[in-house]
Protein backbone atom coordinates (compact mmCIF):
# COMPACT_ATOMS: atom_id res chain seq x y z
CA MET A 1 8.38 11.82 9.83
CA PRO A 2 6.06 11.74 6.81
CA TYR A 3 6.06 8.83 4.41
CA ASN A 4 6.12 9.86 0.77
CA ILE A 5 4.50 7.03 -1.14
CA SER A 6 3.63 7.65 -4.77
CA THR A 7 0.58 6.28 -6.51
CA GLU A 8 2.96 4.44 -8.86
CA GLN A 9 4.62 2.68 -5.91
CA ILE A 10 1.22 1.58 -4.61
CA ALA A 11 0.35 0.23 -8.07
CA ASP A 12 3.68 -1.67 -8.16
CA VAL A 13 2.93 -3.29 -4.81
CA ALA A 14 -0.55 -4.23 -6.02
CA LYS A 15 1.00 -5.99 -9.05
CA ILE A 16 3.36 -7.90 -6.75
CA ALA A 17 0.43 -8.88 -4.53
CA GLU A 18 -1.41 -10.23 -7.57
CA LYS A 19 1.56 -12.46 -8.45
CA MET A 20 1.91 -13.58 -4.83
CA GLN A 21 -1.73 -14.66 -4.74
CA ARG A 22 -0.81 -17.53 -7.05
CA LEU A 23 1.88 -18.61 -4.61
CA SER A 24 0.17 -18.39 -1.24
CA PRO A 25 -3.10 -16.88 0.01
CA ARG A 26 -1.42 -16.30 3.36
CA ALA A 27 1.41 -14.34 1.74
CA LEU A 28 -1.20 -12.29 -0.10
CA ALA A 29 -2.88 -11.45 3.21
CA TYR A 30 0.40 -10.03 4.55
CA VAL A 31 0.98 -7.98 1.40
CA GLU A 32 -2.63 -6.81 1.43
CA GLY A 33 -2.13 -5.51 4.96
CA ALA A 34 0.99 -3.65 3.87
CA VAL A 35 -0.80 -2.17 0.86
CA ASN A 36 -3.70 -1.01 3.05
CA MET A 37 -1.24 0.60 5.45
CA ALA A 38 0.58 2.29 2.56
CA LEU A 39 -2.71 3.59 1.17
CA ALA A 40 -3.72 4.94 4.58
CA LEU A 41 -0.36 6.70 4.98
CA HIS A 42 -0.56 8.04 1.42
CA GLU A 43 -4.06 9.38 2.02
CA ASP A 44 -3.10 10.87 5.39
CA ASN A 45 -0.04 12.63 3.95
CA ASN A 46 -2.00 14.01 1.01
CA THR A 47 -4.95 15.32 3.01
CA PRO A 48 -4.68 19.03 3.81
CA LYS A 49 -4.40 19.57 7.56
CA SER A 50 -6.66 22.14 9.15
CA ALA A 51 -4.91 24.60 11.46
């Protein structure tokens, strides 16, 4: 099942991560991991597949 993640959604998560950094570096690390995963899924789903 493909994940449809828009660039805007990724930007929103990045803004949240920035705010979280002020709260806890550990929390930021978790969000950073989620953002990286989202970016990887986004890239994978938007890369043309060769037959």
